[in-house]
Protein backbone atom coordinates (compact mmCIF):
# COMPACT_ATOMS: atom_id res chain seq x y z
CA MET A 1 77.92 43.01 -60.81
CA GLU A 2 81.52 44.23 -60.96
CA THR A 3 80.81 45.98 -64.27
CA THR A 4 77.93 47.86 -62.64
CA PHE A 5 79.92 48.95 -59.59
CA ALA A 6 82.85 49.91 -61.84
CA LEU A 7 80.49 52.49 -63.40
CA HIS A 8 80.46 54.51 -60.16
CA PRO A 9 82.75 57.49 -60.71
CA ALA A 10 84.52 57.09 -57.36
CA VAL A 11 85.29 53.40 -57.83
CA ASN A 12 88.76 52.57 -59.18
CA GLU A 13 88.77 48.80 -58.75
CA VAL A 14 86.09 46.45 -57.42
CA ALA A 15 85.63 42.79 -56.53
CA VAL A 16 82.22 41.34 -55.84
CA HIS A 17 82.42 38.12 -53.92
CA ALA A 18 80.64 35.88 -51.50
CA VAL A 19 81.32 35.64 -47.78
CA PRO A 20 80.01 32.89 -45.55
CA SER A 21 76.83 33.63 -43.63
CA ALA A 22 76.16 32.31 -40.19
CA LEU A 23 72.45 31.91 -40.82
CA THR A 24 71.72 31.51 -44.55
CA GLU A 25 73.44 31.06 -47.89
CA ASP A 26 76.47 33.18 -48.63
CA ASP A 27 76.17 36.97 -48.44
CA ILE A 28 77.40 39.42 -51.05
CA LYS A 29 80.39 41.64 -50.28
CA VAL A 30 81.76 44.39 -52.45
CA THR A 31 85.47 45.16 -51.86
CA VAL A 32 86.42 48.53 -53.42
CA VAL A 33 89.49 50.57 -54.09
CA LYS A 34 88.27 54.15 -54.33
CA GLU A 35 89.62 56.83 -56.67
CA ALA A 36 92.32 58.86 -54.96
CA GLU A 37 90.94 61.50 -52.63
CA SER A 38 87.35 60.29 -53.05
CA PRO A 39 85.10 61.09 -50.08
CA LEU A 40 82.72 58.22 -50.99
CA THR A 41 81.36 56.40 -47.96
CA GLU A 42 80.00 52.85 -47.67
CA HIS A 43 76.57 54.33 -46.89
CA GLU A 44 76.63 56.37 -50.13
CA LEU A 45 77.73 53.39 -52.20
CA ALA A 46 74.96 51.26 -50.73
CA ILE A 47 72.29 53.86 -51.60
CA TRP A 48 73.75 54.04 -55.12
CA ALA A 49 73.60 50.26 -55.37
CA ILE A 50 69.90 50.22 -54.48
CA ASP A 51 69.28 52.31 -57.63
CA HIS A 52 71.59 50.34 -59.91
CA VAL A 53 71.31 46.61 -59.10
CA PRO A 54 68.35 44.28 -58.48
CA TYR A 55 67.25 44.06 -54.85
CA TYR A 56 68.57 40.51 -54.52
CA ALA A 57 72.05 41.63 -55.66
CA ILE A 58 72.42 44.51 -53.23
CA PRO A 59 75.53 43.76 -51.18
CA ARG A 60 75.16 43.24 -47.45
CA TYR A 61 78.80 44.14 -46.89
CA ILE A 62 81.05 46.85 -48.33
CA GLU A 63 84.73 47.34 -47.59
CA PHE A 64 87.13 49.94 -48.85
CA ARG A 65 90.80 49.00 -49.24
CA ALA A 66 93.93 50.69 -50.53
CA GLN A 67 94.47 47.75 -52.88
CA LEU A 68 93.03 44.36 -53.81
CA PRO A 69 95.03 41.14 -53.55
CA LYS A 70 96.20 39.98 -56.99
CA ASN A 71 98.12 37.11 -58.54
CA PRO A 72 101.30 37.71 -60.56
CA VAL A 73 99.36 38.39 -63.78
CA GLY A 74 97.09 40.96 -62.06
CA ARG A 75 93.89 38.98 -61.51
CA ILE A 76 92.03 39.74 -58.31
CA LEU A 77 92.22 36.89 -55.80
CA LYS A 78 88.56 36.55 -54.91
CA ASN A 79 89.19 33.29 -53.10
CA GLN A 80 91.46 35.19 -50.72
CA LEU A 81 88.85 37.84 -50.19
CA ARG A 82 86.25 35.21 -49.52
CA ASP A 83 88.48 33.46 -47.03
CA GLU A 84 89.15 36.79 -45.21
CA GLY A 85 85.39 37.22 -44.92
CA CYS A 86 84.33 40.28 -42.93
CA THR A 87 87.09 42.26 -41.30
CA ASP A 88 87.07 45.08 -38.80
CA ALA A 89 86.86 47.46 -41.73
CA THR A 90 83.74 45.83 -43.24
CA TRP A 91 80.55 47.87 -43.28
CA ASP A 92 77.25 45.91 -42.83
CA LEU A 93 74.08 47.11 -44.50
CA GLU A 94 71.95 45.27 -41.97
CA GLN A 95 73.52 47.39 -39.23
CA SER A 96 72.72 50.65 -41.00
CA ASP A 97 69.53 52.73 -41.23
CA ILE A 98 69.09 51.99 -44.94
CA THR A 99 65.89 50.28 -46.03
CA TYR A 100 64.82 49.17 -49.49
CA LYS A 101 61.96 47.35 -51.11
CA LYS A 102 62.56 43.62 -51.67
CA GLY A 103 60.76 42.48 -54.79
């Protein structure tokens, strides 16, 4: 998944990780560091994802950040991102007007 999202020209760094769901299994969240000065929106990235990943892998949540948390050797700390879950800056696909065919 990260390899696919990294193909987007406005994505500099990306982490695809789970976040706990209140109702079902975990939901997918994509946390992105955009290329400098990119006007990319969460809505645009979600639309792009619909065309590039299987329907079951379309992330429910998207969040843009200035940087991703990393350990001393530069690996992204996905466990920290998972523990943080959804923040005030997290965009929710289910709260948008985007629809897509499932299956």
